[in-house]
Structures are given as structure tokens and as C-alpha cells.
Amino acid sequence: MYERGITMAKVYIFLADGFEEIEGLTVVDLLRRAGIEISMVSITGKRKVTGAHQIAVEADLLFEDSDYGDADLLVLPGGMPGTLHLMEHEGLDKLLREFYSKKKPLAAICAAPTIFSQKGFLNGIKATCYSGMEDQLTGANVVDLPVVTDRTITTSKGLGTAIDFALSIIKDIKGETEARNIAEQILYKHYK
């Protein structure tokens, strides 16, 4: 999916009020441990974003502060109503469509894969999402796996699969060895 072994990749993760904190911050933490540059982007117009469980996070930048020309991957965490806010953001919609049309990597976890479905990105590809929302993955070949990557889109089930999701992204960017190294560092025994 990516150019394996690149020295530095640039990833953006988009945060809206009501995002699932574990899904967002686990990705940020593990990618930074792997030496992957990841920026937390607020789509709210303010740097402070409050998650679904009232945990406030200071984003690195506001959506309007970047043109994302240096992005290698865009990531969407789930959570409610965060997923709905991400779905409704016009600038993010345009950016996601641009990435999809250029066959650049996209990733989403929990409820957020429904955003890709709503935009028609999942037609004919394998995808997963939060249990009970599978009927919202219109056009996808829904699979019951913690994480699935098909073509340039990675999807994952939810909070309990956040580590697997992050390790999958690390593997795609920096290779299997780095993903295993990070899993070992955090004493994660379930990495496959």
C-alpha cells in the first residue's frame, strides 16, 4: 500500500468533538513510537477537542492550517457524535474524495468506516466496522475481522481493536519488523 521502509511518512488524524479517545490517541501514540510523523487535526475551529468521554485533547493544528499536500495517509477515529461531525465537514469531505480519487491511503475505525461507505469508497472492497453497523457499509464486502486492508483503504472494528489498527498502519508504512518491534515494546502479545 505504501512505499515500505520510507524514512518519514506524514499522517493526519482528524478529530471532532465526540471522537472515541482510545481510537484516536492509540494511533497517535503508536505511530509516534514508530517514528512516523502524525498530526492531530481539529475540524472544530478550535485546538481543544473534547472526546466522547469528556477527555479534552489539544490538537496540533486546525483543519484550515494545512493543505495536506505532504500527507501519505488520512485517518478517521470513530465515536459518536464525532463520526457524524467528520461526515458533515465540507473541507474534510473534499480532502477525502481527493485522496480516494488519487488512490492514496485512507484508514478509519469503529463507526468512521461508514463515512467511506457514504462517499462510495467501499464499493466492492472488503471492510469492517463497529458491530451492529455493518448494514451501513453499503457496497462493501463486509468481513468480521479486527482490521482489514483492501486496496488503499484500511478499516477496523473499534476501541478493542485500536492497537491492531495502529500496528497495521505501522506495518503498511514501515514494514512488519517495525510493527512487531512496537508490539513488543508495549508488551502486546496478540499481534499477528
Protein backbone atom coordinates (compact mmCIF):
# COMPACT_ATOMS: atom_id res chain seq x y z
CA MET A 1 0.00 0.00 0.00
CA TYR A 2 2.78 2.43 0.90
CA GLU A 3 6.40 2.70 -0.03
CA ARG A 4 7.81 0.35 2.60
CA GLY A 5 10.76 1.46 4.62
CA ILE A 6 10.41 5.17 3.93
CA THR A 7 12.30 7.17 6.50
CA MET A 8 9.45 9.53 7.27
CA ALA A 9 5.78 9.35 6.45
CA LYS A 10 3.26 12.07 7.18
CA VAL A 11 -0.09 11.03 8.62
CA TYR A 12 -3.02 13.22 9.63
CA ILE A 13 -5.74 12.09 12.05
CA PHE A 14 -8.90 14.19 12.17
CA LEU A 15 -10.61 14.94 15.47
CA ALA A 16 -14.12 16.23 16.11
CA ASP A 17 -15.93 16.76 19.38
CA GLY A 18 -17.27 13.36 20.41
CA PHE A 19 -14.44 11.29 18.91
CA GLU A 20 -13.54 7.99 20.61
CA GLU A 21 -10.43 8.93 22.57
CA ILE A 22 -8.77 5.48 22.65
CA GLU A 23 -9.17 5.02 18.90
CA GLY A 24 -7.62 8.38 18.13
CA LEU A 25 -4.88 8.56 20.72
CA THR A 26 -3.72 4.95 20.37
CA VAL A 27 -3.00 5.59 16.70
CA VAL A 28 -1.15 8.82 17.52
CA ASP A 29 0.89 7.20 20.32
CA LEU A 30 1.95 4.07 18.45
CA LEU A 31 2.76 5.83 15.18
CA ARG A 32 4.94 8.34 17.04
CA ARG A 33 6.74 5.46 18.79
CA ALA A 34 7.45 4.06 15.31
CA GLY A 35 8.93 7.36 14.16
CA ILE A 36 6.00 8.19 11.90
CA GLU A 37 5.04 11.85 11.88
CA ILE A 38 1.36 12.17 12.75
CA SER A 39 -0.57 15.38 13.34
CA MET A 40 -3.85 15.64 15.19
CA VAL A 41 -6.15 17.95 13.24
CA SER A 42 -9.17 19.63 14.79
CA ILE A 43 -12.11 20.17 12.46
CA THR A 44 -13.91 22.22 15.14
CA GLY A 45 -12.30 25.62 14.55
CA LYS A 46 -10.51 25.40 17.90
CA ARG A 47 -7.46 23.45 19.03
CA LYS A 48 -9.16 21.90 22.08
CA VAL A 49 -11.29 18.92 21.09
CA THR A 50 -13.41 17.05 23.64
CA GLY A 51 -13.85 13.32 23.13
CA ALA A 52 -16.94 11.19 23.62
CA HIS A 53 -15.95 10.56 27.25
CA GLN A 54 -15.20 14.18 28.09
CA ILE A 55 -11.42 13.88 27.71
CA ALA A 56 -10.07 17.12 26.26
CA VAL A 57 -7.22 16.92 23.76
CA GLU A 58 -5.14 19.73 22.29
CA ALA A 59 -4.87 19.19 18.53
CA ASP A 60 -1.64 20.03 16.71
CA LEU A 61 -3.43 22.19 14.17
CA LEU A 62 -6.76 23.34 12.85
CA PHE A 63 -8.12 21.86 9.63
CA GLU A 64 -7.66 25.14 7.79
CA ASP A 65 -3.96 25.36 8.79
CA SER A 66 -2.74 22.86 6.16
CA ASP A 67 -3.27 21.99 2.51
CA TYR A 68 -2.33 18.32 3.23
CA GLY A 69 -0.10 18.16 0.18
CA ASP A 70 2.51 16.31 2.25
CA ALA A 71 0.06 13.67 3.55
CA ASP A 72 0.76 9.98 3.00
CA LEU A 73 -2.31 8.77 4.92
CA LEU A 74 -5.52 10.23 6.38
CA VAL A 75 -7.06 8.56 9.47
CA LEU A 76 -10.55 8.87 10.95
CA PRO A 77 -11.31 7.72 14.51
CA GLY A 78 -14.84 6.67 15.39
CA GLY A 79 -17.02 7.62 18.31
CA MET A 80 -20.32 9.43 18.48
CA PRO A 81 -21.15 12.10 17.67
CA GLY A 82 -17.58 12.58 16.40
CA THR A 83 -18.16 10.38 13.36
CA LEU A 84 -21.19 12.45 12.37
CA HIS A 85 -19.20 15.67 12.69
CA LEU A 86 -16.43 14.24 10.48
CA MET A 87 -19.04 13.14 7.93
CA GLU A 88 -20.57 16.63 7.79
CA HIS A 89 -17.32 18.63 7.44
CA GLU A 90 -17.16 20.01 3.88
CA GLY A 91 -13.40 20.54 3.80
CA LEU A 92 -12.71 17.03 5.04
CA ASP A 93 -15.20 15.63 2.52
CA LYS A 94 -13.30 17.32 -0.31
CA LEU A 95 -9.93 16.11 1.03
CA LEU A 96 -11.10 12.50 1.44
CA ARG A 97 -12.55 12.47 -2.09
CA GLU A 98 -9.29 13.85 -3.48
CA PHE A 99 -7.28 11.15 -1.69
CA TYR A 100 -9.64 8.42 -2.86
CA SER A 101 -9.53 9.61 -6.49
CA LYS A 102 -5.71 9.57 -6.40
CA LYS A 103 -5.72 6.08 -4.80
CA LYS A 104 -3.91 7.41 -1.72
CA PRO A 105 -4.32 5.52 1.59
CA LEU A 106 -7.24 6.15 3.92
CA ALA A 107 -7.98 4.50 7.28
CA ALA A 108 -11.00 4.52 9.60
CA ILE A 109 -12.04 2.69 12.75
CA CYS A 110 -15.31 1.89 14.57
CA ALA A 111 -18.21 3.96 13.16
CA ALA A 112 -15.93 6.00 10.87
CA PRO A 113 -15.80 3.44 8.01
CA THR A 114 -19.44 4.41 7.41
CA ILE A 115 -18.08 7.77 6.21
CA PHE A 116 -16.17 5.96 3.46
CA SER A 117 -19.30 3.98 2.60
CA GLN A 118 -21.44 7.09 2.40
CA LYS A 119 -18.97 8.54 -0.11
CA GLY A 120 -18.96 5.36 -2.23
CA PHE A 121 -15.37 4.39 -1.40
CA LEU A 122 -16.15 0.86 -0.21
CA ASN A 123 -17.92 -0.47 -3.31
CA GLY A 124 -16.62 -3.97 -3.98
CA ILE A 125 -13.91 -3.97 -1.32
CA LYS A 126 -13.54 -5.80 1.99
CA ALA A 127 -14.27 -3.67 5.03
CA THR A 128 -15.21 -3.93 8.69
CA CYS A 129 -16.70 -1.57 11.27
CA TYR A 130 -18.26 -1.41 14.72
CA SER A 131 -20.51 -4.42 15.35
CA GLY A 132 -24.11 -3.64 14.52
CA MET A 133 -23.28 -1.00 11.92
CA GLU A 134 -22.42 -3.42 9.12
CA ASP A 135 -25.64 -2.59 7.26
CA GLN A 136 -24.26 0.95 6.81
CA LEU A 137 -21.26 -0.33 4.80
CA THR A 138 -23.21 -0.10 1.56
CA GLY A 139 -21.45 -1.78 -1.35
CA ALA A 140 -18.69 -3.29 0.80
CA ASN A 141 -17.83 -6.96 1.21
CA VAL A 142 -18.24 -6.91 4.99
CA VAL A 143 -15.83 -9.15 6.89
CA ASP A 144 -15.71 -9.94 10.61
CA LEU A 145 -12.04 -9.18 11.27
CA PRO A 146 -10.39 -6.77 13.73
CA VAL A 147 -8.64 -4.92 10.86
CA VAL A 148 -8.87 -5.29 7.12
CA THR A 149 -6.95 -3.56 4.33
CA ASP A 150 -8.23 -3.80 0.78
CA ARG A 151 -6.62 -1.74 -1.94
CA THR A 152 -5.83 1.60 -0.28
CA ILE A 153 -8.45 1.50 2.48
CA THR A 154 -7.92 0.15 6.00
CA THR A 155 -10.88 -0.32 8.33
CA SER A 156 -11.16 -1.62 11.88
CA LYS A 157 -13.91 -2.61 14.32
CA GLY A 158 -13.46 -0.33 17.33
CA LEU A 159 -11.85 0.53 20.63
CA GLY A 160 -10.81 -3.07 21.35
CA THR A 161 -9.01 -3.27 18.00
CA ALA A 162 -7.26 0.13 18.20
CA ILE A 163 -3.82 -1.39 18.84
CA ASP A 164 -4.22 -3.81 15.93
CA PHE A 165 -5.38 -0.90 13.75
CA ALA A 166 -2.34 1.22 14.65
CA LEU A 167 0.06 -1.71 14.18
CA SER A 168 -1.47 -2.42 10.78
CA ILE A 169 -0.79 1.17 9.74
CA ILE A 170 2.79 0.91 11.05
CA LYS A 171 3.27 -2.35 9.12
CA ASP A 172 1.99 -0.76 5.91
CA ILE A 173 4.27 2.26 6.27
CA LYS A 174 7.44 0.85 7.85
CA GLY A 175 7.13 -2.91 7.44
CA GLU A 176 6.41 -5.99 9.51
CA THR A 177 9.60 -5.78 11.58
CA GLU A 178 8.78 -2.30 12.89
CA ALA A 179 5.19 -3.30 13.70
CA ARG A 180 6.48 -6.31 15.66
CA ASN A 181 9.05 -4.12 17.45
CA ILE A 182 6.34 -1.71 18.59
CA ALA A 183 4.08 -4.59 19.68
CA GLU A 184 6.97 -5.98 21.77
CA GLN A 185 7.77 -2.56 23.27
CA ILE A 186 4.21 -2.16 24.55
CA LEU A 187 4.01 -5.83 25.65
CA TYR A 188 1.20 -6.52 23.20
CA LYS A 189 1.09 -10.30 22.82
CA HIS A 190 -1.81 -10.52 20.36
CA TYR A 191 -0.15 -9.06 17.25
CA LYS A 192 -0.38 -11.46 14.31
